[in-house]
């Protein structure tokens, strides 16, 4: 099954990751190697899973650092997106929503086309 899962949810996840990684370099250190889509709020929350404000393009090393050092991660969040956006994302994540993954995949395809990627 891979890391992205099956069906339209998996396709949406894969495309979202591509959109985030299209930045082309780690947004923390500038490395262009081993780029990953790093979620600020866990992917388990459907409402924020594919919200571009909820992810950074990070190299594997920086992504791991944030996983291992959550206090630094918290500080970086407020420095980059600000506490207001973070609070909005947290509130959005806490909403109960049934995601239409087919519709979300189509939205992401349009976004990728807009960015000339994919």
PDB file of N, CA and C in Angstrom:
ATOM      1  N   UNK A   1       0.823  -1.188   0.000  1.00  0.00           N
ATOM      2  CA  UNK A   1       0.000   0.000   0.000  1.00  0.00           C
ATOM      3  C   UNK A   1       0.870   1.255   0.000  1.00  0.00           C
ATOM      4  N   UNK A   2       2.029   1.267   0.573  1.00  0.00           N
ATOM      5  CA  UNK A   2       2.888   2.441   0.603  1.00  0.00           C
ATOM      6  C   UNK A   2       2.468   3.441   1.672  1.00  0.00           C
ATOM      7  N   UNK A   3       3.147   4.561   1.710  1.00  0.00           N
ATOM      8  CA  UNK A   3       2.873   5.540   2.768  1.00  0.00           C
ATOM      9  C   UNK A   3       1.631   6.373   2.512  1.00  0.00           C
ATOM     10  N   UNK A   4       1.130   6.357   1.291  1.00  0.00           N
ATOM     11  CA  UNK A   4       0.014   7.243   0.971  1.00  0.00           C
ATOM     12  C   UNK A   4      -1.363   6.607   1.086  1.00  0.00           C
ATOM     13  N   UNK A   5      -1.454   5.316   1.155  1.00  0.00           N
ATOM     14  CA  UNK A   5      -2.760   4.676   1.275  1.00  0.00           C
ATOM     15  C   UNK A   5      -3.397   4.417  -0.079  1.00  0.00           C
ATOM     16  N   UNK A   6      -4.657   4.000  -0.038  1.00  0.00           N
ATOM     17  CA  UNK A   6      -5.369   3.592  -1.246  1.00  0.00           C
ATOM     18  C   UNK A   6      -6.407   4.627  -1.677  1.00  0.00           C
ATOM     19  N   UNK A   7      -6.895   4.428  -2.898  1.00  0.00           N
ATOM     20  CA  UNK A   7      -8.018   5.204  -3.399  1.00  0.00           C
ATOM     21  C   UNK A   7      -7.723   6.692  -3.523  1.00  0.00           C
ATOM     22  N   UNK A   8      -8.804   7.462  -3.547  1.00  0.00           N
ATOM     23  CA  UNK A   8      -8.660   8.909  -3.723  1.00  0.00           C
ATOM     24  C   UNK A   8      -7.966   9.580  -2.542  1.00  0.00           C
ATOM     25  N   UNK A   9      -8.124   9.030  -1.350  1.00  0.00           N
ATOM     26  CA  UNK A   9      -7.422   9.587  -0.185  1.00  0.00           C
ATOM     27  C   UNK A   9      -5.917   9.450  -0.388  1.00  0.00           C
ATOM     28  N   UNK A  10      -5.483   8.278  -0.829  1.00  0.00           N
ATOM     29  CA  UNK A  10      -4.063   8.057  -1.093  1.00  0.00           C
ATOM     30  C   UNK A  10      -3.547   8.943  -2.214  1.00  0.00           C
ATOM     31  N   UNK A  11      -4.344   9.085  -3.268  1.00  0.00           N
ATOM     32  CA  UNK A  11      -3.946   9.955  -4.383  1.00  0.00           C
ATOM     33  C   UNK A  11      -3.871  11.413  -3.929  1.00  0.00           C
ATOM     34  N   UNK A  12      -4.820  11.812  -3.093  1.00  0.00           N
ATOM     35  CA  UNK A  12      -4.801  13.187  -2.568  1.00  0.00           C
ATOM     36  C   UNK A  12      -3.565  13.409  -1.702  1.00  0.00           C
ATOM     37  N   UNK A  13      -3.255  12.442  -0.840  1.00  0.00           N
ATOM     38  CA  UNK A  13      -2.064  12.549   0.011  1.00  0.00           C
ATOM     39  C   UNK A  13      -0.796  12.678  -0.827  1.00  0.00           C
ATOM     40  N   UNK A  14      -0.685  11.830  -1.834  1.00  0.00           N
ATOM     41  CA  UNK A  14       0.512  11.832  -2.680  1.00  0.00           C
ATOM     42  C   UNK A  14       0.650  13.166  -3.420  1.00  0.00           C
ATOM     43  N   UNK A  15      -0.450  13.661  -3.956  1.00  0.00           N
ATOM     44  CA  UNK A  15      -0.417  14.927  -4.682  1.00  0.00           C
ATOM     45  C   UNK A  15      -0.139  16.099  -3.740  1.00  0.00           C
ATOM     46  N   UNK A  16      -0.723  16.066  -2.549  1.00  0.00           N
ATOM     47  CA  UNK A  16      -0.460  17.119  -1.566  1.00  0.00           C
ATOM     48  C   UNK A  16       1.029  17.154  -1.220  1.00  0.00           C
ATOM     49  N   UNK A  17       1.617  15.984  -1.001  1.00  0.00           N
ATOM     50  CA  UNK A  17       3.042  15.913  -0.698  1.00  0.00           C
ATOM     51  C   UNK A  17       3.868  16.505  -1.839  1.00  0.00           C
ATOM     52  N   UNK A  18       3.490  16.194  -3.065  1.00  0.00           N
ATOM     53  CA  UNK A  18       4.192  16.737  -4.229  1.00  0.00           C
ATOM     54  C   UNK A  18       4.082  18.265  -4.268  1.00  0.00           C
ATOM     55  N   UNK A  19       2.900  18.772  -3.978  1.00  0.00           N
ATOM     56  CA  UNK A  19       2.689  20.226  -3.955  1.00  0.00           C
ATOM     57  C   UNK A  19       3.597  20.879  -2.909  1.00  0.00           C
ATOM     58  N   UNK A  20       3.635  20.319  -1.717  1.00  0.00           N
ATOM     59  CA  UNK A  20       4.468  20.885  -0.647  1.00  0.00           C
ATOM     60  C   UNK A  20       5.946  20.783  -1.002  1.00  0.00           C
ATOM     61  N   UNK A  21       6.370  19.627  -1.519  1.00  0.00           N
ATOM     62  CA  UNK A  21       7.784  19.436  -1.858  1.00  0.00           C
ATOM     63  C   UNK A  21       8.218  20.244  -3.076  1.00  0.00           C
ATOM     64  N   UNK A  22       7.256  20.774  -3.833  1.00  0.00           N
ATOM     65  CA  UNK A  22       7.594  21.572  -5.019  1.00  0.00           C
ATOM     66  C   UNK A  22       8.307  22.876  -4.651  1.00  0.00           C
ATOM     67  N   UNK A  23       8.309  23.219  -3.376  1.00  0.00           N
ATOM     68  CA  UNK A  23       9.092  24.374  -2.902  1.00  0.00           C
ATOM     69  C   UNK A  23      10.547  24.194  -3.339  1.00  0.00           C
ATOM     70  N   UNK A  24      11.017  22.943  -3.361  1.00  0.00           N
ATOM     71  CA  UNK A  24      12.329  22.637  -3.912  1.00  0.00           C
ATOM     72  C   UNK A  24      13.493  22.665  -2.953  1.00  0.00           C
ATOM     73  N   UNK A  25      13.239  23.101  -1.742  1.00  0.00           N
ATOM     74  CA  UNK A  25      14.306  23.093  -0.737  1.00  0.00           C
ATOM     75  C   UNK A  25      13.690  23.080   0.651  1.00  0.00           C
ATOM     76  N   UNK A  26      14.469  22.633   1.605  1.00  0.00           N
ATOM     77  CA  UNK A  26      14.017  22.603   2.997  1.00  0.00           C
ATOM     78  C   UNK A  26      13.750  24.039   3.451  1.00  0.00           C
ATOM     79  N   UNK A  27      12.583  24.252   4.011  1.00  0.00           N
ATOM     80  CA  UNK A  27      12.211  25.596   4.460  1.00  0.00           C
ATOM     81  C   UNK A  27      12.880  25.974   5.776  1.00  0.00           C
ATOM     82  N   UNK A  28      13.668  25.072   6.328  1.00  0.00           N
ATOM     83  CA  UNK A  28      14.402  25.376   7.558  1.00  0.00           C
ATOM     84  C   UNK A  28      15.888  25.595   7.276  1.00  0.00           C
ATOM     85  N   UNK A  29      16.506  24.658   6.531  1.00  0.00           N
ATOM     86  CA  UNK A  29      17.961  24.748   6.348  1.00  0.00           C
ATOM     87  C   UNK A  29      18.390  25.016   4.906  1.00  0.00           C
ATOM     88  N   UNK A  30      17.457  24.905   3.957  1.00  0.00           N
ATOM     89  CA  UNK A  30      17.786  25.174   2.564  1.00  0.00           C
ATOM     90  C   UNK A  30      18.286  23.981   1.766  1.00  0.00           C
ATOM     91  N   UNK A  31      18.451  22.828   2.402  1.00  0.00           N
ATOM     92  CA  UNK A  31      18.911  21.638   1.691  1.00  0.00           C
ATOM     93  C   UNK A  31      17.912  21.247   0.605  1.00  0.00           C
ATOM     94  N   UNK A  32      18.441  20.668  -0.469  1.00  0.00           N
ATOM     95  CA  UNK A  32      17.577  20.185  -1.549  1.00  0.00           C
ATOM     96  C   UNK A  32      17.495  18.664  -1.563  1.00  0.00           C
ATOM     97  N   UNK A  33      18.084  18.027  -0.577  1.00  0.00           N
ATOM     98  CA  UNK A  33      18.133  16.563  -0.518  1.00  0.00           C
ATOM     99  C   UNK A  33      17.033  15.989   0.359  1.00  0.00           C
ATOM    100  N   UNK A  34      16.502  14.848  -0.066  1.00  0.00           N
ATOM    101  CA  UNK A  34      15.535  14.071   0.728  1.00  0.00           C
ATOM    102  C   UNK A  34      14.391  14.921   1.272  1.00  0.00           C
ATOM    103  N   UNK A  35      13.739  15.647   0.386  1.00  0.00           N
ATOM    104  CA  UNK A  35      12.653  16.533   0.812  1.00  0.00           C
ATOM    105  C   UNK A  35      11.401  15.744   1.177  1.00  0.00           C
ATOM    106  N   UNK A  36      10.730  16.209   2.215  1.00  0.00           N
ATOM    107  CA  UNK A  36       9.527  15.555   2.721  1.00  0.00           C
ATOM    108  C   UNK A  36       8.456  16.600   3.012  1.00  0.00           C
ATOM    109  N   UNK A  37       7.233  16.128   3.007  1.00  0.00           N
ATOM    110  CA  UNK A  37       6.093  16.953   3.405  1.00  0.00           C
ATOM    111  C   UNK A  37       5.916  16.762   4.907  1.00  0.00           C
ATOM    112  N   UNK A  38       6.144  17.809   5.667  1.00  0.00           N
ATOM    113  CA  UNK A  38       6.076  17.734   7.132  1.00  0.00           C
ATOM    114  C   UNK A  38       4.837  18.471   7.622  1.00  0.00           C
ATOM    115  N   UNK A  39       3.932  17.727   8.237  1.00  0.00           N
ATOM    116  CA  UNK A  39       2.706  18.335   8.759  1.00  0.00           C
ATOM    117  C   UNK A  39       2.964  18.987  10.112  1.00  0.00           C
ATOM    118  N   UNK A  40       2.372  20.139  10.320  1.00  0.00           N
ATOM    119  CA  UNK A  40       2.461  20.828  11.605  1.00  0.00           C
ATOM    120  C   UNK A  40       1.517  20.147  12.584  1.00  0.00           C
ATOM    121  N   UNK A  41       0.266  19.996  12.174  1.00  0.00           N
ATOM    122  CA  UNK A  41      -0.718  19.245  12.953  1.00  0.00           C
ATOM    123  C   UNK A  41      -0.853  17.891  12.274  1.00  0.00           C
ATOM    124  N   UNK A  42      -0.889  16.848  13.039  1.00  0.00           N
ATOM    125  CA  UNK A  42      -0.892  15.477  12.538  1.00  0.00           C
ATOM    126  C   UNK A  42      -1.822  15.254  11.350  1.00  0.00           C
ATOM    127  N   UNK A  43      -1.370  14.395  10.442  1.00  0.00           N
ATOM    128  CA  UNK A  43      -2.169  14.006   9.279  1.00  0.00           C
ATOM    129  C   UNK A  43      -3.454  13.292   9.670  1.00  0.00           C
ATOM    130  N   UNK A  44      -3.550  12.824  10.881  1.00  0.00           N
ATOM    131  CA  UNK A  44      -4.737  12.054  11.266  1.00  0.00           C
ATOM    132  C   UNK A  44      -6.006  12.905  11.276  1.00  0.00           C
ATOM    133  N   UNK A  45      -5.857  14.222  11.289  1.00  0.00           N
ATOM    134  CA  UNK A  45      -7.011  15.120  11.278  1.00  0.00           C
ATOM    135  C   UNK A  45      -7.358  15.486   9.834  1.00  0.00           C
ATOM    136  N   UNK A  46      -8.453  14.929   9.347  1.00  0.00           N
ATOM    137  CA  UNK A  46      -8.850  15.126   7.944  1.00  0.00           C
ATOM    138  C   UNK A  46      -9.012  16.590   7.569  1.00  0.00           C
ATOM    139  N   UNK A  47      -9.546  17.385   8.461  1.00  0.00           N
ATOM    140  CA  UNK A  47      -9.847  18.787   8.143  1.00  0.00           C
ATOM    141  C   UNK A  47      -8.601  19.601   7.801  1.00  0.00           C
ATOM    142  N   UNK A  48      -7.451  19.232   8.339  1.00  0.00           N
ATOM    143  CA  UNK A  48      -6.219  19.989   8.082  1.00  0.00           C
ATOM    144  C   UNK A  48      -5.182  19.184   7.309  1.00  0.00           C
ATOM    145  N   UNK A  49      -5.490  17.957   6.986  1.00  0.00           N
ATOM    146  CA  UNK A  49      -4.536  17.048   6.346  1.00  0.00           C
ATOM    147  C   UNK A  49      -3.960  17.620   5.048  1.00  0.00           C
ATOM    148  N   UNK A  50      -4.790  18.273   4.248  1.00  0.00           N
ATOM    149  CA  UNK A  50      -4.325  18.812   2.964  1.00  0.00           C
ATOM    150  C   UNK A  50      -4.434  20.342   2.902  1.00  0.00           C
ATOM    151  N   UNK A  51      -4.335  20.967   4.041  1.00  0.00           N
ATOM    152  CA  UNK A  51      -4.320  22.432   4.120  1.00  0.00           C
ATOM    153  C   UNK A  51      -2.864  22.878   3.974  1.00  0.00           C
ATOM    154  N   UNK A  52      -2.575  23.636   2.940  1.00  0.00           N
ATOM    155  CA  UNK A  52      -1.187  24.026   2.672  1.00  0.00           C
ATOM    156  C   UNK A  52      -0.554  24.825   3.805  1.00  0.00           C
ATOM    157  N   UNK A  53      -1.353  25.461   4.625  1.00  0.00           N
ATOM    158  CA  UNK A  53      -0.803  26.194   5.778  1.00  0.00           C
ATOM    159  C   UNK A  53      -0.304  25.224   6.845  1.00  0.00           C
ATOM    160  N   UNK A  54      -0.703  23.969   6.757  1.00  0.00           N
ATOM    161  CA  UNK A  54      -0.391  22.964   7.767  1.00  0.00           C
ATOM    162  C   UNK A  54       0.801  22.088   7.391  1.00  0.00           C
ATOM    163  N   UNK A  55       1.599  22.503   6.449  1.00  0.00           N
ATOM    164  CA  UNK A  55       2.737  21.663   6.058  1.00  0.00           C
ATOM    165  C   UNK A  55       3.897  22.519   5.577  1.00  0.00           C
ATOM    166  N   UNK A  56       5.073  21.976   5.804  1.00  0.00           N
ATOM    167  CA  UNK A  56       6.309  22.581   5.308  1.00  0.00           C
ATOM    168  C   UNK A  56       7.036  21.569   4.460  1.00  0.00           C
ATOM    169  N   UNK A  57       7.870  22.064   3.583  1.00  0.00           N
ATOM    170  CA  UNK A  57       8.818  21.227   2.868  1.00  0.00           C
ATOM    171  C   UNK A  57      10.083  21.208   3.725  1.00  0.00           C
ATOM    172  N   UNK A  58      10.383  20.038   4.277  1.00  0.00           N
ATOM    173  CA  UNK A  58      11.580  19.890   5.107  1.00  0.00           C
ATOM    174  C   UNK A  58      12.425  18.737   4.588  1.00  0.00           C
ATOM    175  N   UNK A  59      13.731  18.835   4.760  1.00  0.00           N
ATOM    176  CA  UNK A  59      14.593  17.698   4.462  1.00  0.00           C
ATOM    177  C   UNK A  59      14.374  16.658   5.568  1.00  0.00           C
ATOM    178  N   UNK A  60      14.779  15.438   5.292  1.00  0.00           N
ATOM    179  CA  UNK A  60      14.561  14.356   6.255  1.00  0.00           C
ATOM    180  C   UNK A  60      15.211  14.674   7.604  1.00  0.00           C
ATOM    181  N   UNK A  61      16.378  15.307   7.573  1.00  0.00           N
ATOM    182  CA  UNK A  61      17.089  15.626   8.814  1.00  0.00           C
ATOM    183  C   UNK A  61      16.297  16.624   9.671  1.00  0.00           C
ATOM    184  N   UNK A  62      15.805  17.692   9.063  1.00  0.00           N
ATOM    185  CA  UNK A  62      15.032  18.691   9.819  1.00  0.00           C
ATOM    186  C   UNK A  62      13.688  18.125  10.265  1.00  0.00           C
ATOM    187  N   UNK A  63      13.064  17.311   9.415  1.00  0.00           N
ATOM    188  CA  UNK A  63      11.789  16.686   9.774  1.00  0.00           C
ATOM    189  C   UNK A  63      11.982  15.810  11.013  1.00  0.00           C
ATOM    190  N   UNK A  64      13.054  15.046  11.012  1.00  0.00           N
ATOM    191  CA  UNK A  64      13.353  14.178  12.160  1.00  0.00           C
ATOM    192  C   UNK A  64      13.630  15.019  13.411  1.00  0.00           C
ATOM    193  N   UNK A  65      14.345  16.098  13.241  1.00  0.00           N
ATOM    194  CA  UNK A  65      14.661  16.967  14.385  1.00  0.00           C
ATOM    195  C   UNK A  65      13.384  17.489  15.035  1.00  0.00           C
ATOM    196  N   UNK A  66      12.432  17.916  14.219  1.00  0.00           N
ATOM    197  CA  UNK A  66      11.176  18.411  14.771  1.00  0.00           C
ATOM    198  C   UNK A  66      10.395  17.315  15.469  1.00  0.00           C
ATOM    199  N   UNK A  67      10.473  16.109  14.945  1.00  0.00           N
ATOM    200  CA  UNK A  67       9.794  14.987  15.588  1.00  0.00           C
ATOM    201  C   UNK A  67      10.430  14.699  16.949  1.00  0.00           C
ATOM    202  N   UNK A  68      11.747  14.762  17.005  1.00  0.00           N
ATOM    203  CA  UNK A  68      12.473  14.438  18.239  1.00  0.00           C
ATOM    204  C   UNK A  68      12.516  15.586  19.247  1.00  0.00           C
ATOM    205  N   UNK A  69      12.368  16.814  18.782  1.00  0.00           N
ATOM    206  CA  UNK A  69      12.473  17.990  19.651  1.00  0.00           C
ATOM    207  C   UNK A  69      11.234  18.872  19.504  1.00  0.00           C
ATOM    208  N   UNK A  70      10.104  18.454  20.063  1.00  0.00           N
ATOM    209  CA  UNK A  70       8.848  19.193  19.865  1.00  0.00           C
ATOM    210  C   UNK A  70       8.870  20.635  20.369  1.00  0.00           C
ATOM    211  N   UNK A  71       9.662  20.941  21.368  1.00  0.00           N
ATOM    212  CA  UNK A  71       9.721  22.323  21.866  1.00  0.00           C
ATOM    213  C   UNK A  71      10.280  23.251  20.786  1.00  0.00           C
ATOM    214  N   UNK A  72      11.314  22.806  20.111  1.00  0.00           N
ATOM    215  CA  UNK A  72      11.881  23.597  19.014  1.00  0.00           C
ATOM    216  C   UNK A  72      10.848  23.717  17.888  1.00  0.00           C
ATOM    217  N   UNK A  73      10.132  22.662  17.639  1.00  0.00           N
ATOM    218  CA  UNK A  73       9.087  22.650  16.613  1.00  0.00           C
ATOM    219  C   UNK A  73       8.042  23.707  16.941  1.00  0.00           C
ATOM    220  N   UNK A  74       7.622  23.755  18.181  1.00  0.00           N
ATOM    221  CA  UNK A  74       6.627  24.721  18.635  1.00  0.00           C
ATOM    222  C   UNK A  74       7.125  26.153  18.414  1.00  0.00           C
ATOM    223  N   UNK A  75       8.377  26.392  18.745  1.00  0.00           N
ATOM    224  CA  UNK A  75       8.974  27.715  18.565  1.00  0.00           C
ATOM    225  C   UNK A  75       9.021  28.085  17.080  1.00  0.00           C
ATOM    226  N   UNK A  76       9.402  27.132  16.241  1.00  0.00           N
ATOM    227  CA  UNK A  76       9.502  27.378  14.803  1.00  0.00           C
ATOM    228  C   UNK A  76       8.128  27.690  14.206  1.00  0.00           C
ATOM    229  N   UNK A  77       7.090  27.024  14.706  1.00  0.00           N
ATOM    230  CA  UNK A  77       5.726  27.278  14.227  1.00  0.00           C
ATOM    231  C   UNK A  77       5.364  28.743  14.428  1.00  0.00           C
ATOM    232  N   UNK A  78       5.573  29.239  15.638  1.00  0.00           N
ATOM    233  CA  UNK A  78       5.188  30.624  15.918  1.00  0.00           C
ATOM    234  C   UNK A  78       6.045  31.617  15.134  1.00  0.00           C
ATOM    235  N   UNK A  79       7.298  31.254  14.867  1.00  0.00           N
ATOM    236  CA  UNK A  79       8.169  32.132  14.076  1.00  0.00           C
ATOM    237  C   UNK A  79       7.761  32.186  12.609  1.00  0.00           C
ATOM    238  N   UNK A  80       7.283  31.071  12.065  1.00  0.00           N
ATOM    239  CA  UNK A  80       7.023  31.013  10.625  1.00  0.00           C
ATOM    240  C   UNK A  80       5.579  31.296  10.241  1.00  0.00           C
ATOM    241  N   UNK A  81       4.629  30.626  10.865  1.00  0.00           N
ATOM    242  CA  UNK A  81       3.230  30.848  10.465  1.00  0.00           C
ATOM    243  C   UNK A  81       2.485  31.756  11.428  1.00  0.00           C
ATOM    244  N   UNK A  82       3.038  31.954  12.598  1.00  0.00           N
ATOM    245  CA  UNK A  82       2.401  32.812  13.591  1.00  0.00           C
ATOM    246  C   UNK A  82       1.377  32.072  14.432  1.00  0.00           C
ATOM    247  N   UNK A  83       1.163  32.559  15.617  1.00  0.00           N
ATOM    248  CA  UNK A  83       0.257  31.885  16.549  1.00  0.00           C
ATOM    249  C   UNK A  83      -1.198  31.974  16.094  1.00  0.00           C
ATOM    250  N   UNK A  84      -1.562  33.032  15.380  1.00  0.00           N
ATOM    251  CA  UNK A  84      -2.948  33.165  14.914  1.00  0.00           C
ATOM    252  C   UNK A  84      -3.308  32.064  13.903  1.00  0.00           C
ATOM    253  N   UNK A  85      -2.439  31.843  12.923  1.00  0.00           N
ATOM    254  CA  UNK A  85      -2.688  30.788  11.933  1.00  0.00           C
ATOM    255  C   UNK A  85      -2.648  29.421  12.609  1.00  0.00           C
ATOM    256  N   UNK A  86      -1.699  29.243  13.517  1.00  0.00           N
ATOM    257  CA  UNK A  86      -1.615  27.969  14.234  1.00  0.00           C
ATOM    258  C   UNK A  86      -2.902  27.706  15.015  1.00  0.00           C
ATOM    259  N   UNK A  87      -3.422  28.717  15.685  1.00  0.00           N
ATOM    260  CA  UNK A  87      -4.684  28.561  16.418  1.00  0.00           C
ATOM    261  C   UNK A  87      -5.838  28.232  15.470  1.00  0.00           C
ATOM    262  N   UNK A  88      -5.857  28.863  14.297  1.00  0.00           N
ATOM    263  CA  UNK A  88      -6.886  28.560  13.293  1.00  0.00           C
ATOM    264  C   UNK A  88      -6.794  27.103  12.851  1.00  0.00           C
ATOM    265  N   UNK A  89      -5.575  26.639  12.607  1.00  0.00           N
ATOM    266  CA  UNK A  89      -5.380  25.247  12.197  1.00  0.00           C
ATOM    267  C   UNK A  89      -5.808  24.280  13.294  1.00  0.00           C
ATOM    268  N   UNK A  90      -5.462  24.602  14.523  1.00  0.00           N
ATOM    269  CA  UNK A  90      -5.863  23.736  15.643  1.00  0.00           C
ATOM    270  C   UNK A  90      -7.379  23.660  15.752  1.00  0.00           C
ATOM    271  N   UNK A  91      -8.049  24.793  15.625  1.00  0.00           N
ATOM    272  CA  UNK A  91      -9.515  24.803  15.691  1.00  0.00           C
ATOM    273  C   UNK A  91     -10.107  24.013  14.520  1.00  0.00           C
ATOM    274  N   UNK A  92      -9.534  24.193  13.346  1.00  0.00           N
ATOM    275  CA  UNK A  92     -10.012  23.467  12.164  1.00  0.00           C
ATOM    276  C   UNK A  92      -9.813  21.961  12.341  1.00  0.00           C
ATOM    277  N   UNK A  93      -8.672  21.567  12.898  1.00  0.00           N
ATOM    278  CA  UNK A  93      -8.381  20.143  13.113  1.00  0.00           C
ATOM    279  C   UNK A  93      -9.380  19.503  14.066  1.00  0.00           C
ATOM    280  N   UNK A  94      -9.859  20.282  15.002  1.00  0.00           N
ATOM    281  CA  UNK A  94     -10.777  19.749  16.015  1.00  0.00           C
ATOM    282  C   UNK A  94     -12.217  19.643  15.528  1.00  0.00           C
ATOM    283  N   UNK A  95     -12.493  20.157  14.328  1.00  0.00           N
ATOM    284  CA  UNK A  95     -13.849  20.028  13.795  1.00  0.00           C
ATOM    285  C   UNK A  95     -14.043  18.617  13.260  1.00  0.00           C
ATOM    286  N   UNK A  96     -15.210  18.082  13.482  1.00  0.00           N
ATOM    287  CA  UNK A  96     -15.527  16.754  12.969  1.00  0.00           C
ATOM    288  C   UNK A  96     -16.022  16.933  11.547  1.00  0.00           C
ATOM    289  N   UNK A  97     -15.325  16.296  10.630  1.00  0.00           N
ATOM    290  CA  UNK A  97     -15.687  16.451   9.228  1.00  0.00           C
ATOM    291  C   UNK A  97     -15.519  15.132   8.498  1.00  0.00           C
ATOM    292  N   UNK A  98     -16.378  14.885   7.576  1.00  0.00           N
ATOM    293  CA  UNK A  98     -16.271  13.721   6.699  1.00  0.00           C
ATOM    294  C   UNK A  98     -15.718  14.239   5.385  1.00  0.00           C
ATOM    295  N   UNK A  99     -14.471  13.926   5.141  1.00  0.00           N
ATOM    296  CA  UNK A  99     -13.800  14.449   3.949  1.00  0.00           C
ATOM    297  C   UNK A  99     -14.252  13.680   2.708  1.00  0.00           C
ATOM    298  N   UNK A 100     -14.576  14.411   1.674  1.00  0.00           N
ATOM    299  CA  UNK A 100     -14.866  13.817   0.373  1.00  0.00           C
ATOM    300  C   UNK A 100     -13.532  13.774  -0.368  1.00  0.00           C
ATOM    301  N   UNK A 101     -12.865  12.624  -0.339  1.00  0.00           N
ATOM    302  CA  UNK A 101     -11.514  12.525  -0.878  1.00  0.00           C
ATOM    303  C   UNK A 101     -11.476  12.632  -2.394  1.00  0.00           C
ATOM    304  N   UNK A 102     -12.549  12.234  -3.065  1.00  0.00           N
ATOM    305  CA  UNK A 102     -12.607  12.390  -4.520  1.00  0.00           C
ATOM    306  C   UNK A 102     -12.593  13.872  -4.870  1.00  0.00           C
ATOM    307  N   UNK A 103     -13.419  14.631  -4.183  1.00  0.00           N
ATOM    308  CA  UNK A 103     -13.485  16.080  -4.392  1.00  0.00           C
ATOM    309  C   UNK A 103     -12.155  16.748  -4.010  1.00  0.00           C
ATOM    310  N   UNK A 104     -11.556  16.305  -2.914  1.00  0.00           N
ATOM    311  CA  UNK A 104     -10.282  16.893  -2.475  1.00  0.00           C
ATOM    312  C   UNK A 104      -9.170  16.587  -3.465  1.00  0.00           C
ATOM    313  N   UNK A 105      -9.157  15.372  -3.995  1.00  0.00           N
ATOM    314  CA  UNK A 105      -8.161  15.013  -5.008  1.00  0.00           C
ATOM    315  C   UNK A 105      -8.308  15.919  -6.235  1.00  0.00           C
ATOM    316  N   UNK A 106      -9.538  16.170  -6.661  1.00  0.00           N
ATOM    317  CA  UNK A 106      -9.776  17.050  -7.813  1.00  0.00           C
ATOM    318  C   UNK A 106      -9.310  18.476  -7.512  1.00  0.00           C
ATOM    319  N   UNK A 107      -9.550  18.954  -6.304  1.00  0.00           N
ATOM    320  CA  UNK A 107      -9.093  20.291  -5.906  1.00  0.00           C
ATOM    321  C   UNK A 107      -7.569  20.375  -5.961  1.00  0.00           C
ATOM    322  N   UNK A 108      -6.917  19.326  -5.472  1.00  0.00           N
ATOM    323  CA  UNK A 108      -5.456  19.303  -5.464  1.00  0.00           C
ATOM    324  C   UNK A 108      -4.888  19.192  -6.877  1.00  0.00           C
ATOM    325  N   UNK A 109      -5.560  18.469  -7.749  1.00  0.00           N
ATOM    326  CA  UNK A 109      -5.117  18.405  -9.152  1.00  0.00           C
ATOM    327  C   UNK A 109      -5.151  19.797  -9.779  1.00  0.00           C
ATOM    328  N   UNK A 110      -6.218  20.542  -9.498  1.00  0.00           N
ATOM    329  CA  UNK A 110      -6.313  21.909 -10.018  1.00  0.00           C
ATOM    330  C   UNK A 110      -5.208  22.784  -9.427  1.00  0.00           C
ATOM    331  N   UNK A 111      -4.917  22.602  -8.156  1.00  0.00           N
ATOM    332  CA  UNK A 111      -3.856  23.385  -7.497  1.00  0.00           C
ATOM    333  C   UNK A 111      -2.491  23.051  -8.104  1.00  0.00           C
ATOM    334  N   UNK A 112      -2.240  21.768  -8.340  1.00  0.00           N
ATOM    335  CA  UNK A 112      -0.970  21.353  -8.943  1.00  0.00           C
ATOM    336  C   UNK A 112      -0.827  21.940 -10.348  1.00  0.00           C
ATOM    337  N   UNK A 113      -1.910  21.955 -11.094  1.00  0.00           N
ATOM    338  CA  UNK A 113      -1.884  22.541 -12.439  1.00  0.00           C
ATOM    339  C   UNK A 113      -1.586  24.037 -12.359  1.00  0.00           C
ATOM    340  N   UNK A 114      -2.206  24.694 -11.392  1.00  0.00           N
ATOM    341  CA  UNK A 114      -1.973  26.125 -11.167  1.00  0.00           C
ATOM    342  C   UNK A 114      -0.500  26.403 -10.869  1.00  0.00           C
ATOM    343  N   UNK A 115       0.135  25.490 -10.140  1.00  0.00           N
ATOM    344  CA  UNK A 115       1.548  25.636  -9.778  1.00  0.00           C
ATOM    345  C   UNK A 115       2.478  25.062 -10.846  1.00  0.00           C
ATOM    346  N   UNK A 116       1.884  24.480 -11.902  1.00  0.00           N
ATOM    347  CA  UNK A 116       2.630  23.867 -13.000  1.00  0.00           C
ATOM    348  C   UNK A 116       3.507  22.708 -12.522  1.00  0.00           C
ATOM    349  N   UNK A 117       2.914  21.858 -11.676  1.00  0.00           N
ATOM    350  CA  UNK A 117       3.606  20.654 -11.210  1.00  0.00           C
ATOM    351  C   UNK A 117       2.683  19.453 -11.389  1.00  0.00           C
ATOM    352  N   UNK A 118       3.265  18.262 -11.233  1.00  0.00           N
ATOM    353  CA  UNK A 118       2.441  17.056 -11.247  1.00  0.00           C
ATOM    354  C   UNK A 118       2.420  16.429 -12.570  1.00  0.00           C
TER     355      UNK A 118
END
